[in-house]
Amino acid sequence: MPHELQENVGAIDLTATAPDRAELFRAVLAGVLDAVYGASPAPGGYEGRVVPVQAAGDDDDVLLADLVDDTLRAAREERGTPGAPRWLSFDERRVTATLPLLLPRAEGRTLIVSSARVSGDATGWTARVELLLPVEA
C-alpha cells in the first residue's frame, strides 16, 4: 500500500512511500482524499470534469503542504467528489495536479493540513503529513 492513515485524537497521520517523487505526491493526494471521504471511492460517474490543484514553494515540504491544502480546498468547494490525481507535473518550484470530479458530490470531513515532511534518495521517497480535525465550537 503506497499510503497509510492513522487516526489519533484530533489528528490524522498520513505516511506514504514511493519509488520516485511524482509517485510519492500522487500517493499522498490519494491518501488525503481517503482521509476526507473514506477508503471507498464515491459512487457515481466521471463525466470528464477535472479540477486543477497546485502549489509553489522553495522545497518539497512546502510544495507538498500547499498541494495538500489546495486538495482539501477542492474537497470542500467543488461540485463533485475529487478523485486521485490522473495527471501531475513538476516545474521549477511549482507542482500541479488534476483531480477527476466524480458525481454526485460525496460528504466528507473537513480537515486542515498541519505539517508535511518529504525525504528522498536513490532508494525511494517517504512523506509524512499531519491533518487536523477542526475543533467544533
C-alpha atoms as a PDB file:
ATOM      1  CA  MET A   1       0.000   0.000   0.000  1.00  0.00           C
ATOM      2  CA  PRO A   2       1.520   3.344  -1.011  1.00  0.00           C
ATOM      3  CA  HIS A   3      -0.072   5.251   1.894  1.00  0.00           C
ATOM      4  CA  GLU A   4      -1.233   4.595   5.438  1.00  0.00           C
ATOM      5  CA  LEU A   5      -3.603   6.590   7.627  1.00  0.00           C
ATOM      6  CA  GLN A   6      -3.506   6.551  11.411  1.00  0.00           C
ATOM      7  CA  GLU A   7      -6.194   8.416  13.332  1.00  0.00           C
ATOM      8  CA  ASN A   8      -5.386   9.997  16.676  1.00  0.00           C
ATOM      9  CA  VAL A   9      -7.451  12.296  18.850  1.00  0.00           C
ATOM     10  CA  GLY A  10      -7.993  15.412  16.727  1.00  0.00           C
ATOM     11  CA  ALA A  11      -5.495  14.446  14.026  1.00  0.00           C
ATOM     12  CA  ILE A  12      -4.733  12.026  11.219  1.00  0.00           C
ATOM     13  CA  ASP A  13      -1.172  10.997  10.388  1.00  0.00           C
ATOM     14  CA  LEU A  14      -0.611  10.067   6.758  1.00  0.00           C
ATOM     15  CA  THR A  15       2.565   8.307   5.700  1.00  0.00           C
ATOM     16  CA  ALA A  16       3.425   7.385   2.140  1.00  0.00           C
ATOM     17  CA  THR A  17       6.316   5.747   0.346  1.00  0.00           C
ATOM     18  CA  ALA A  18       7.104   5.568  -3.345  1.00  0.00           C
ATOM     19  CA  PRO A  19       9.994   4.852  -5.674  1.00  0.00           C
ATOM     20  CA  ASP A  20      10.065   8.427  -7.020  1.00  0.00           C
ATOM     21  CA  ARG A  21       8.925  11.958  -6.242  1.00  0.00           C
ATOM     22  CA  ALA A  22       5.926  12.043  -8.597  1.00  0.00           C
ATOM     23  CA  GLU A  23       4.525   8.753  -7.302  1.00  0.00           C
ATOM     24  CA  LEU A  24       5.024   9.981  -3.732  1.00  0.00           C
ATOM     25  CA  PHE A  25       2.986  13.135  -4.341  1.00  0.00           C
ATOM     26  CA  ARG A  26       0.317  11.028  -6.097  1.00  0.00           C
ATOM     27  CA  ALA A  27       0.163   8.604  -3.150  1.00  0.00           C
ATOM     28  CA  VAL A  28      -0.125  11.457  -0.644  1.00  0.00           C
ATOM     29  CA  LEU A  29      -3.017  13.086  -2.529  1.00  0.00           C
ATOM     30  CA  ALA A  30      -4.814   9.726  -2.769  1.00  0.00           C
ATOM     31  CA  GLY A  31      -4.295   9.307   0.989  1.00  0.00           C
ATOM     32  CA  VAL A  32      -5.613  12.792   1.719  1.00  0.00           C
ATOM     33  CA  LEU A  33      -8.770  12.040  -0.253  1.00  0.00           C
ATOM     34  CA  ASP A  34      -9.138   8.727   1.619  1.00  0.00           C
ATOM     35  CA  ALA A  35      -8.902  10.693   4.874  1.00  0.00           C
ATOM     36  CA  VAL A  36     -11.617  13.091   3.702  1.00  0.00           C
ATOM     37  CA  TYR A  37     -14.060  10.604   2.114  1.00  0.00           C
ATOM     38  CA  GLY A  38     -13.093   7.199   3.467  1.00  0.00           C
ATOM     39  CA  ALA A  39     -11.213   4.437   1.682  1.00  0.00           C
ATOM     40  CA  SER A  40     -14.017   3.705  -0.781  1.00  0.00           C
ATOM     41  CA  PRO A  41     -14.394   5.965  -3.794  1.00  0.00           C
ATOM     42  CA  ALA A  42     -17.626   7.855  -4.078  1.00  0.00           C
ATOM     43  CA  PRO A  43     -20.339   6.063  -6.016  1.00  0.00           C
ATOM     44  CA  GLY A  44     -21.186   7.717  -9.268  1.00  0.00           C
ATOM     45  CA  GLY A  45     -19.674   8.543 -12.566  1.00  0.00           C
ATOM     46  CA  TYR A  46     -16.926  10.511 -14.153  1.00  0.00           C
ATOM     47  CA  GLU A  47     -18.138  12.918 -16.824  1.00  0.00           C
ATOM     48  CA  GLY A  48     -14.769  14.306 -17.889  1.00  0.00           C
ATOM     49  CA  ARG A  49     -14.576  17.212 -15.432  1.00  0.00           C
ATOM     50  CA  VAL A  50     -11.347  17.812 -13.548  1.00  0.00           C
ATOM     51  CA  VAL A  51     -10.163  20.343 -11.013  1.00  0.00           C
ATOM     52  CA  PRO A  52      -6.558  21.564 -11.003  1.00  0.00           C
ATOM     53  CA  VAL A  53      -4.734  21.856  -7.693  1.00  0.00           C
ATOM     54  CA  GLN A  54      -1.350  23.479  -7.442  1.00  0.00           C
ATOM     55  CA  ALA A  55       1.369  24.740  -5.167  1.00  0.00           C
ATOM     56  CA  ALA A  56       4.529  26.807  -5.316  1.00  0.00           C
ATOM     57  CA  GLY A  57       7.467  26.814  -2.944  1.00  0.00           C
ATOM     58  CA  ASP A  58      11.185  26.538  -2.415  1.00  0.00           C
ATOM     59  CA  ASP A  59      11.316  22.907  -1.228  1.00  0.00           C
ATOM     60  CA  ASP A  60       9.318  19.684  -1.328  1.00  0.00           C
ATOM     61  CA  ASP A  61       7.959  20.123   2.218  1.00  0.00           C
ATOM     62  CA  VAL A  62       6.321  23.432   1.254  1.00  0.00           C
ATOM     63  CA  LEU A  63       5.188  22.125  -2.143  1.00  0.00           C
ATOM     64  CA  LEU A  64       3.517  19.088  -0.602  1.00  0.00           C
ATOM     65  CA  ALA A  65       1.870  21.016   2.256  1.00  0.00           C
ATOM     66  CA  ASP A  66       0.459  23.601  -0.150  1.00  0.00           C
ATOM     67  CA  LEU A  67      -0.702  20.943  -2.638  1.00  0.00           C
ATOM     68  CA  VAL A  68      -2.469  19.072   0.165  1.00  0.00           C
ATOM     69  CA  ASP A  69      -4.050  22.344   1.301  1.00  0.00           C
ATOM     70  CA  ASP A  70      -5.351  23.053  -2.222  1.00  0.00           C
ATOM     71  CA  THR A  71      -6.676  19.479  -2.470  1.00  0.00           C
ATOM     72  CA  LEU A  72      -8.545  19.950   0.820  1.00  0.00           C
ATOM     73  CA  ARG A  73      -9.959  23.217  -0.548  1.00  0.00           C
ATOM     74  CA  ALA A  74     -11.173  21.385  -3.674  1.00  0.00           C
ATOM     75  CA  ALA A  75     -12.820  18.711  -1.500  1.00  0.00           C
ATOM     76  CA  ARG A  76     -14.719  21.426   0.397  1.00  0.00           C
ATOM     77  CA  GLU A  77     -15.682  23.672  -2.532  1.00  0.00           C
ATOM     78  CA  GLU A  78     -16.068  21.693  -5.764  1.00  0.00           C
ATOM     79  CA  ARG A  79     -19.432  20.463  -7.056  1.00  0.00           C
ATOM     80  CA  GLY A  80     -18.190  16.899  -7.289  1.00  0.00           C
ATOM     81  CA  THR A  81     -16.031  14.492  -5.359  1.00  0.00           C
ATOM     82  CA  PRO A  82     -12.332  14.864  -6.250  1.00  0.00           C
ATOM     83  CA  GLY A  83     -10.591  11.591  -7.048  1.00  0.00           C
ATOM     84  CA  ALA A  84      -6.926  10.592  -7.012  1.00  0.00           C
ATOM     85  CA  PRO A  85      -4.793  12.600  -9.456  1.00  0.00           C
ATOM     86  CA  ARG A  86      -4.684  11.492 -13.068  1.00  0.00           C
ATOM     87  CA  TRP A  87      -2.008  13.977 -14.095  1.00  0.00           C
ATOM     88  CA  LEU A  88       0.844  15.522 -12.129  1.00  0.00           C
ATOM     89  CA  SER A  89       3.506  17.939 -13.357  1.00  0.00           C
ATOM     90  CA  PHE A  90       6.540  19.474 -11.702  1.00  0.00           C
ATOM     91  CA  ASP A  91       8.106  22.726 -12.814  1.00  0.00           C
ATOM     92  CA  GLU A  92      10.741  24.840 -11.131  1.00  0.00           C
ATOM     93  CA  ARG A  93       9.353  25.462  -7.624  1.00  0.00           C
ATOM     94  CA  ARG A  94       5.817  24.508  -8.699  1.00  0.00           C
ATOM     95  CA  VAL A  95       3.642  21.398  -8.847  1.00  0.00           C
ATOM     96  CA  THR A  96       0.235  20.987 -10.484  1.00  0.00           C
ATOM     97  CA  ALA A  97      -2.151  18.035 -10.418  1.00  0.00           C
ATOM     98  CA  THR A  98      -5.557  17.445 -11.957  1.00  0.00           C
ATOM     99  CA  LEU A  99      -8.165  15.603  -9.926  1.00  0.00           C
ATOM    100  CA  PRO A 100     -11.148  13.997 -11.690  1.00  0.00           C
ATOM    101  CA  LEU A 101     -14.507  15.104 -10.303  1.00  0.00           C
ATOM    102  CA  LEU A 102     -16.909  12.249  -9.650  1.00  0.00           C
ATOM    103  CA  LEU A 103     -20.643  12.887  -9.436  1.00  0.00           C
ATOM    104  CA  PRO A 104     -22.597  13.158  -7.234  1.00  0.00           C
ATOM    105  CA  ARG A 105     -20.783  15.068  -4.539  1.00  0.00           C
ATOM    106  CA  ALA A 106     -19.970  12.909  -1.507  1.00  0.00           C
ATOM    107  CA  GLU A 107     -19.990  14.228   2.020  1.00  0.00           C
ATOM    108  CA  GLY A 108     -16.562  14.315   3.572  1.00  0.00           C
ATOM    109  CA  ARG A 109     -14.825  15.570   6.666  1.00  0.00           C
ATOM    110  CA  THR A 110     -13.229  18.971   6.895  1.00  0.00           C
ATOM    111  CA  LEU A 111      -9.505  18.658   7.518  1.00  0.00           C
ATOM    112  CA  ILE A 112      -6.639  21.138   7.847  1.00  0.00           C
ATOM    113  CA  VAL A 113      -3.034  20.409   6.903  1.00  0.00           C
ATOM    114  CA  SER A 114      -0.741  20.935   9.868  1.00  0.00           C
ATOM    115  CA  SER A 115       2.623  19.791   8.534  1.00  0.00           C
ATOM    116  CA  ALA A 116       4.312  17.901   5.719  1.00  0.00           C
ATOM    117  CA  ARG A 117       7.792  16.400   5.538  1.00  0.00           C
ATOM    118  CA  VAL A 118       9.375  14.792   2.488  1.00  0.00           C
ATOM    119  CA  SER A 119      12.616  12.858   2.213  1.00  0.00           C
ATOM    120  CA  GLY A 120      14.072  11.049  -0.735  1.00  0.00           C
ATOM    121  CA  ASP A 121      17.179   9.433  -2.093  1.00  0.00           C
ATOM    122  CA  ALA A 122      18.224   6.803  -4.628  1.00  0.00           C
ATOM    123  CA  THR A 123      16.394   4.062  -2.671  1.00  0.00           C
ATOM    124  CA  GLY A 124      12.976   5.760  -2.553  1.00  0.00           C
ATOM    125  CA  TRP A 125      10.844   8.583  -1.211  1.00  0.00           C
ATOM    126  CA  THR A 126       8.850   8.987   2.013  1.00  0.00           C
ATOM    127  CA  ALA A 127       6.368  11.608   3.214  1.00  0.00           C
ATOM    128  CA  ARG A 128       4.584  12.259   6.481  1.00  0.00           C
ATOM    129  CA  VAL A 129       1.608  14.615   6.568  1.00  0.00           C
ATOM    130  CA  GLU A 130      -0.361  15.602   9.662  1.00  0.00           C
ATOM    131  CA  LEU A 131      -4.007  16.557   9.110  1.00  0.00           C
ATOM    132  CA  LEU A 132      -6.053  18.176  11.856  1.00  0.00           C
ATOM    133  CA  LEU A 133      -9.749  17.827  12.515  1.00  0.00           C
ATOM    134  CA  PRO A 134     -11.097  21.317  13.293  1.00  0.00           C
ATOM    135  CA  VAL A 135     -12.329  21.867  16.820  1.00  0.00           C
ATOM    136  CA  GLU A 136     -16.064  22.428  16.847  1.00  0.00           C
ATOM    137  CA  ALA A 137     -17.270  25.443  18.787  1.00  0.00           C
END
